[in-house]
Amino acid sequence: MQSDVLGYSEQSHHWWLANMHLPGYAFLLWVARGLTLGAVSDLILMQTISLAAWYGSLYIFLKIARKINPDASQLATVLYGLFPFVGITYVAWPIADSVAHFVLIYGIFCLFERDWRRLMVALAVMLLVQKALWPFALLISLAAWHRGFPVWRALAAGAPLAIFWLAVAASGAGPLWIISIDLSVNLPSYSGLPVLDGVLGTLAQGGMRGTIKGLLLLSLFVGTVILTWIYIRRRNLEMLSILIPVLGLLVFMNQHEAWASIRYAKILVIPLIGVTPLVPRLGRFIRASNMSWIVIGVLAATQVAYAMHVIAFHEVKTELSVPSSMPNPAVNIE
């Protein structure tokens, strides 16, 4: 119960007030605490919510993968569920990511299914869970509108966030309360580079930590650019609504928040399996009978490695906490 985990726990007691986090996850914890009559600790409730969201994400992802590339669907689901470092780590370390990924993957599923009523609900929840989901919600809405999504449904999806923002602003927090932490902490460059501070700035730090993290981010950036170019040529709006927000995170997030790109990169497994039929050797690799177990072993090792990093960090930072009303940013552990 430290850092952002403690922050969400404290926020859940007054989720209707201004905070650096959006209220969606804290509201779920508030509801869960009420349903259990306060008999279960917040940490167990948060891990339970996160685990349920993780399982739900796998179920929805598998349905999408079977439509896009049935041959790769099983291995792709493994890759999505145990994505390097962050796949299931954020279930044990229960920040809002698992819930955010569930509503994101569900929104993408509704887009592919042309289920506009459920997409409207999914977009509304996305806007209330994490601000990193806002670009996804915008581009999914645009892609859906191009396919027939009524404008009034898009506006209705944004209404809950707008009402919450205005209500908190009217209470004295001011109109910019909802993005103040982003303007002051998450977006300003630390290297002097106007863009790619998170990628190139991290790489320029040097040392083992900076080099490894920087190379991961650089590889992700190059891969995302390639996939984006492929789907621009294909004019596939659904895939571009997934790719462009991740590319935006890589371009604009600074060194301290660049890990958010890795956390959201798992959604790129969807466009990735869409292009695997173009590479015959990769297709044979995916269909290999023992490949899933090898991938599971490698991915599980990355989860353990990152978990050890989180534990080591918090053995040093034993007094971290996030005040509940417009707090200072939590110390970044990435």
Protein backbone atom coordinates (compact mmCIF):
# COMPACT_ATOMS: atom_id res chain seq x y z
CA MET A 1 0.00 0.00 0.00
CA GLN A 2 2.42 2.62 -1.27
CA SER A 3 2.71 5.14 -4.09
CA ASP A 4 -0.21 5.02 -6.56
CA VAL A 5 -1.79 2.00 -4.86
CA LEU A 6 -2.12 3.97 -1.64
CA GLY A 7 -3.26 6.97 -3.66
CA TYR A 8 -6.18 5.07 -5.21
CA SER A 9 -7.10 3.63 -1.82
CA GLU A 10 -7.28 7.08 -0.26
CA GLN A 11 -9.08 8.55 -3.28
CA SER A 12 -11.79 5.87 -3.04
CA HIS A 13 -13.03 7.44 0.22
CA HIS A 14 -13.77 10.73 -1.61
CA TRP A 15 -13.61 9.94 -5.32
CA TRP A 16 -15.84 12.94 -6.10
CA LEU A 17 -13.06 15.42 -5.19
CA ALA A 18 -10.22 16.73 -7.36
CA ASN A 19 -7.29 14.33 -7.64
CA MET A 20 -4.37 13.57 -9.93
CA HIS A 21 -6.20 10.34 -10.86
CA LEU A 22 -9.56 10.08 -12.60
CA PRO A 23 -12.37 8.68 -10.43
CA GLY A 24 -13.27 5.45 -12.29
CA TYR A 25 -11.00 2.98 -10.49
CA ALA A 26 -11.47 4.64 -7.10
CA PHE A 27 -15.23 4.48 -7.60
CA LEU A 28 -15.02 0.71 -8.27
CA LEU A 29 -13.06 0.27 -5.04
CA TRP A 30 -15.63 2.39 -3.18
CA VAL A 31 -18.43 0.16 -4.48
CA ALA A 32 -16.51 -3.05 -3.67
CA ARG A 33 -15.85 -1.84 -0.13
CA GLY A 34 -19.53 -1.13 0.35
CA LEU A 35 -20.60 -4.52 -1.00
CA THR A 36 -18.20 -6.30 1.36
CA LEU A 37 -19.23 -4.06 4.29
CA GLY A 38 -15.63 -3.03 4.81
CA ALA A 39 -14.65 -6.55 5.90
CA VAL A 40 -11.97 -6.97 3.21
CA SER A 41 -8.82 -4.90 3.02
CA ASP A 42 -8.50 -2.37 0.22
CA LEU A 43 -5.40 -4.12 -1.12
CA ILE A 44 -7.22 -7.45 -1.53
CA LEU A 45 -10.19 -5.69 -3.12
CA MET A 46 -7.93 -3.87 -5.57
CA GLN A 47 -6.09 -7.05 -6.51
CA THR A 48 -9.41 -8.87 -6.96
CA ILE A 49 -10.75 -6.11 -9.21
CA SER A 50 -7.50 -6.10 -11.20
CA LEU A 51 -7.42 -9.89 -11.58
CA ALA A 52 -11.03 -9.98 -12.75
CA ALA A 53 -10.27 -7.22 -15.27
CA TRP A 54 -7.18 -9.09 -16.47
CA TYR A 55 -9.14 -12.29 -17.05
CA GLY A 56 -11.91 -10.32 -18.76
CA SER A 57 -9.33 -8.70 -21.03
CA LEU A 58 -7.98 -12.10 -22.07
CA TYR A 59 -11.48 -13.34 -22.90
CA ILE A 60 -12.30 -10.30 -25.05
CA PHE A 61 -8.86 -10.27 -26.67
CA LEU A 62 -9.18 -13.92 -27.71
CA LYS A 63 -12.50 -13.16 -29.42
CA ILE A 64 -10.88 -10.32 -31.35
CA ALA A 65 -7.79 -12.37 -32.23
CA ARG A 66 -9.88 -15.23 -33.61
CA LYS A 67 -11.51 -12.79 -36.02
CA ILE A 68 -8.26 -11.20 -37.16
CA ASN A 69 -5.92 -14.21 -37.36
CA PRO A 70 -7.25 -17.55 -36.01
CA ASP A 71 -3.87 -19.28 -36.46
CA ALA A 72 -2.17 -16.77 -34.16
CA SER A 73 -5.01 -16.23 -31.68
CA GLN A 74 -3.79 -18.54 -28.92
CA LEU A 75 -0.18 -17.38 -28.89
CA ALA A 76 -1.29 -13.76 -29.29
CA THR A 77 -3.49 -14.07 -26.20
CA VAL A 78 -0.51 -15.39 -24.25
CA LEU A 79 1.58 -12.45 -25.46
CA TYR A 80 -1.17 -9.98 -24.56
CA GLY A 81 -1.82 -11.46 -21.11
CA LEU A 82 1.87 -11.76 -20.19
CA PHE A 83 3.19 -8.83 -22.19
CA PRO A 84 6.87 -8.25 -21.29
CA PHE A 85 7.29 -6.84 -17.77
CA VAL A 86 3.78 -5.41 -17.40
CA GLY A 87 1.44 -8.24 -18.39
CA ILE A 88 0.27 -9.37 -14.97
CA THR A 89 2.56 -7.33 -12.73
CA TYR A 90 -0.11 -4.65 -12.41
CA VAL A 91 -2.53 -7.21 -11.00
CA ALA A 92 -0.22 -7.95 -8.07
CA TRP A 93 0.69 -4.24 -7.95
CA PRO A 94 -2.93 -3.11 -8.45
CA ILE A 95 -2.91 0.34 -9.97
CA ALA A 96 -5.65 1.16 -12.51
CA ASP A 97 -3.99 -0.45 -15.54
CA SER A 98 -5.89 -3.76 -15.55
CA VAL A 99 -9.24 -1.98 -15.43
CA ALA A 100 -8.09 0.51 -18.07
CA HIS A 101 -7.00 -2.28 -20.41
CA PHE A 102 -10.27 -4.12 -19.94
CA VAL A 103 -12.42 -1.16 -20.96
CA LEU A 104 -10.02 -0.38 -23.82
CA ILE A 105 -10.11 -3.90 -25.25
CA TYR A 106 -13.86 -4.02 -24.79
CA GLY A 107 -14.23 -0.72 -26.65
CA ILE A 108 -12.11 -2.07 -29.50
CA PHE A 109 -14.23 -5.23 -29.59
CA CYS A 110 -17.40 -3.12 -29.83
CA LEU A 111 -15.80 -1.12 -32.66
CA PHE A 112 -15.00 -4.28 -34.61
CA GLU A 113 -18.51 -5.64 -33.96
CA ARG A 114 -20.19 -2.31 -34.86
CA ASP A 115 -22.06 -2.49 -31.55
CA TRP A 116 -22.67 1.23 -31.14
CA ARG A 117 -24.77 1.08 -27.96
CA ARG A 118 -22.14 -0.83 -26.00
CA LEU A 119 -19.34 1.19 -27.57
CA MET A 120 -20.94 4.36 -26.19
CA VAL A 121 -20.86 2.87 -22.68
CA ALA A 122 -17.29 1.62 -23.11
CA LEU A 123 -16.11 5.07 -24.26
CA ALA A 124 -17.80 6.76 -21.30
CA VAL A 125 -16.01 4.43 -18.86
CA MET A 126 -12.68 4.81 -20.68
CA LEU A 127 -12.84 8.57 -20.25
CA LEU A 128 -13.31 8.16 -16.48
CA VAL A 129 -10.60 5.57 -15.78
CA GLN A 130 -7.27 6.88 -17.11
CA LYS A 131 -6.25 9.97 -19.04
CA ALA A 132 -3.98 7.84 -21.24
CA LEU A 133 -7.22 6.38 -22.63
CA TRP A 134 -8.48 9.74 -23.89
CA PRO A 135 -6.59 9.59 -27.25
CA PHE A 136 -7.81 6.02 -27.74
CA ALA A 137 -11.40 7.10 -27.04
CA LEU A 138 -11.14 9.99 -29.51
CA LEU A 139 -9.70 7.93 -32.36
CA ILE A 140 -11.99 4.97 -31.73
CA SER A 141 -14.91 7.42 -31.88
CA LEU A 142 -13.66 8.84 -35.18
CA ALA A 143 -13.14 5.38 -36.67
CA ALA A 144 -16.60 4.34 -35.48
CA TRP A 145 -18.17 7.55 -36.84
CA HIS A 146 -16.67 6.73 -40.23
CA ARG A 147 -18.41 3.34 -39.98
CA GLY A 148 -21.77 4.81 -38.94
CA PHE A 149 -21.43 5.59 -35.22
CA PRO A 150 -23.99 8.38 -34.52
CA VAL A 151 -22.52 11.68 -33.36
CA TRP A 152 -25.04 11.91 -30.53
CA ARG A 153 -23.70 8.66 -29.06
CA ALA A 154 -20.16 10.05 -29.12
CA LEU A 155 -21.34 13.19 -27.32
CA ALA A 156 -23.29 11.11 -24.82
CA ALA A 157 -20.14 9.07 -24.08
CA GLY A 158 -18.30 12.25 -23.11
CA ALA A 159 -21.10 13.61 -20.94
CA PRO A 160 -20.19 11.80 -17.66
CA LEU A 161 -16.62 13.10 -17.78
CA ALA A 162 -17.79 16.61 -18.68
CA ILE A 163 -20.28 16.64 -15.80
CA PHE A 164 -17.66 15.40 -13.33
CA TRP A 165 -15.07 17.92 -14.55
CA LEU A 166 -17.48 20.85 -14.30
CA ALA A 167 -18.79 19.81 -10.88
CA VAL A 168 -15.28 19.59 -9.41
CA ALA A 169 -14.21 22.82 -11.10
CA ALA A 170 -17.26 24.60 -9.65
CA SER A 171 -16.35 23.33 -6.18
CA GLY A 172 -13.24 25.50 -6.22
CA ALA A 173 -10.62 23.34 -7.95
CA GLY A 174 -10.56 25.56 -11.05
CA PRO A 175 -11.14 24.63 -14.70
CA LEU A 176 -7.64 23.16 -15.27
CA TRP A 177 -7.63 20.84 -12.26
CA ILE A 178 -8.08 17.76 -14.44
CA ILE A 179 -4.92 18.31 -16.51
CA SER A 180 -2.75 20.35 -14.13
CA ILE A 181 -0.54 17.39 -13.20
CA ASP A 182 0.02 16.59 -16.88
CA LEU A 183 0.97 20.15 -17.76
CA SER A 184 3.41 20.44 -14.87
CA VAL A 185 4.88 16.92 -14.60
CA ASN A 186 3.96 14.39 -17.29
CA LEU A 187 4.59 16.35 -20.49
CA PRO A 188 7.47 18.85 -19.93
CA SER A 189 10.75 17.65 -21.45
CA TYR A 190 13.74 16.98 -19.20
CA SER A 191 16.31 16.77 -21.99
CA GLY A 192 15.49 19.88 -23.99
CA LEU A 193 14.09 17.80 -26.83
CA PRO A 194 10.64 19.05 -27.89
CA VAL A 195 9.53 15.48 -28.63
CA LEU A 196 10.82 11.95 -27.91
CA ASP A 197 12.22 13.02 -24.55
CA GLY A 198 11.02 9.71 -23.10
CA VAL A 199 12.77 7.64 -25.77
CA LEU A 200 15.95 9.53 -26.64
CA GLY A 201 16.28 11.28 -23.30
CA THR A 202 16.13 7.97 -21.45
CA LEU A 203 18.70 6.44 -23.79
CA ALA A 204 21.00 9.43 -23.28
CA GLN A 205 20.99 8.88 -19.52
CA GLY A 206 23.38 5.99 -20.01
CA GLY A 207 24.07 3.34 -17.43
CA MET A 208 22.46 -0.09 -17.43
CA ARG A 209 19.01 1.15 -16.42
CA GLY A 210 18.89 4.00 -18.92
CA THR A 211 20.33 1.94 -21.76
CA ILE A 212 18.00 -1.05 -21.31
CA LYS A 213 14.90 1.06 -20.84
CA GLY A 214 15.90 3.39 -23.68
CA LEU A 215 16.48 0.50 -26.09
CA LEU A 216 13.12 -1.01 -25.17
CA LEU A 217 11.40 2.30 -25.86
CA LEU A 218 13.34 2.87 -29.09
CA SER A 219 12.48 -0.62 -30.36
CA LEU A 220 8.84 -0.03 -29.49
CA PHE A 221 8.88 3.32 -31.29
CA VAL A 222 10.38 1.84 -34.47
CA GLY A 223 7.97 -1.09 -34.43
CA THR A 224 4.97 1.16 -33.88
CA VAL A 225 6.02 3.46 -36.72
CA ILE A 226 6.34 0.47 -39.08
CA LEU A 227 2.94 -0.91 -38.11
CA THR A 228 1.37 2.54 -38.44
CA TRP A 229 2.81 2.95 -41.94
CA ILE A 230 1.48 -0.49 -42.95
CA TYR A 231 -2.04 0.28 -41.75
CA ILE A 232 -2.02 3.77 -43.26
CA ARG A 233 -1.34 2.11 -46.61
CA ARG A 234 -4.19 -0.29 -45.90
CA ARG A 235 -6.44 2.58 -44.77
CA ASN A 236 -7.47 0.50 -41.78
CA LEU A 237 -9.01 3.04 -39.39
CA GLU A 238 -9.67 0.48 -36.66
CA MET A 239 -6.01 -0.48 -36.41
CA LEU A 240 -4.86 3.13 -36.65
CA SER A 241 -7.09 4.04 -33.71
CA ILE A 242 -4.99 1.56 -31.69
CA LEU A 243 -1.57 2.48 -33.06
CA ILE A 244 -1.61 6.27 -33.12
CA PRO A 245 -2.30 6.75 -29.36
CA VAL A 246 0.64 4.49 -28.47
CA LEU A 247 2.80 6.39 -30.92
CA GLY A 248 1.64 9.61 -29.27
CA LEU A 249 2.72 8.34 -25.85
CA LEU A 250 6.17 7.55 -27.22
CA VAL A 251 6.51 10.94 -28.89
CA PHE A 252 5.21 13.22 -26.12
CA MET A 253 5.72 11.57 -22.73
CA ASN A 254 8.86 12.61 -20.89
CA GLN A 255 11.52 10.41 -19.32
CA HIS A 256 9.71 10.01 -16.01
CA GLU A 257 6.45 8.89 -17.61
CA ALA A 258 7.78 7.06 -20.66
CA TRP A 259 7.04 3.66 -19.12
CA ALA A 260 3.37 4.35 -19.85
CA SER A 261 4.23 3.53 -23.46
CA ILE A 262 5.33 0.03 -22.44
CA ARG A 263 2.22 -0.39 -20.27
CA TYR A 264 -0.05 0.40 -23.21
CA ALA A 265 2.03 -1.35 -25.86
CA LYS A 266 0.29 -4.66 -25.13
CA ILE A 267 -2.66 -3.44 -27.18
CA LEU A 268 -0.35 -3.45 -30.23
CA VAL A 269 -0.60 -7.24 -30.29
CA ILE A 270 -3.88 -6.74 -32.19
CA PRO A 271 -2.37 -4.92 -35.21
CA LEU A 272 0.71 -7.14 -34.96
CA ILE A 273 -1.20 -10.36 -35.59
CA GLY A 274 -3.00 -8.59 -38.42
CA VAL A 275 0.27 -8.43 -40.38
CA THR A 276 1.75 -11.83 -39.49
CA PRO A 277 0.11 -13.54 -42.51
CA LEU A 278 2.36 -11.33 -44.66
CA VAL A 279 5.43 -13.13 -43.23
CA PRO A 280 5.23 -16.89 -43.96
CA ARG A 281 8.15 -17.81 -41.68
CA LEU A 282 6.53 -15.98 -38.79
CA GLY A 283 3.32 -17.88 -39.44
CA ARG A 284 5.15 -21.21 -39.21
CA PHE A 285 6.84 -20.02 -36.02
CA ILE A 286 3.47 -19.17 -34.46
CA ARG A 287 1.97 -22.55 -35.38
CA ALA A 288 4.84 -24.52 -33.83
CA SER A 289 3.31 -26.82 -31.20
CA ASN A 290 5.82 -26.05 -28.45
CA MET A 291 6.10 -22.33 -29.11
CA SER A 292 3.42 -21.24 -26.63
CA TRP A 293 5.26 -22.84 -23.73
CA ILE A 294 8.55 -21.23 -24.70
CA VAL A 295 6.88 -17.82 -24.98
CA ILE A 296 5.12 -18.31 -21.64
CA GLY A 297 8.45 -19.12 -19.96
CA VAL A 298 10.23 -16.07 -21.37
CA LEU A 299 7.35 -13.70 -20.64
CA ALA A 300 6.89 -15.05 -17.11
CA ALA A 301 10.57 -14.39 -16.43
CA THR A 302 10.12 -10.74 -17.42
CA GLN A 303 7.18 -10.42 -15.01
CA VAL A 304 9.33 -11.76 -12.16
CA ALA A 305 12.21 -9.45 -13.08
CA TYR A 306 10.00 -6.37 -13.07
CA ALA A 307 8.26 -7.46 -9.85
CA MET A 308 11.67 -7.72 -8.18
CA HIS A 309 12.43 -4.20 -9.40
CA VAL A 310 9.19 -2.89 -7.87
CA ILE A 311 9.87 -4.64 -4.56
CA ALA A 312 13.46 -3.38 -4.43
CA PHE A 313 12.31 0.18 -5.10
CA HIS A 314 9.75 0.12 -2.30
CA GLU A 315 12.15 -1.39 0.19
CA VAL A 316 14.02 1.89 -0.15
CA LYS A 317 10.99 4.18 -0.43
CA THR A 318 9.09 2.92 2.62
CA GLU A 319 7.22 6.10 3.41
CA LEU A 320 5.67 6.96 0.05
CA SER A 321 2.08 8.13 0.01
CA VAL A 322 -0.18 10.12 -2.30
CA PRO A 323 -2.36 12.75 -0.58
CA SER A 324 -5.94 12.65 -1.72
CA SER A 325 -6.68 16.21 -2.85
CA MET A 326 -4.60 17.45 -5.82
CA PRO A 327 -1.45 15.70 -4.59
CA ASN A 328 2.11 15.98 -5.71
CA PRO A 329 2.97 13.34 -8.33
CA ALA A 330 3.85 9.91 -7.03
CA VAL A 331 7.48 8.97 -7.32
CA ASN A 332 8.04 7.16 -10.59
CA ILE A 333 9.25 3.58 -10.12
CA GLU A 334 10.02 2.80 -13.74
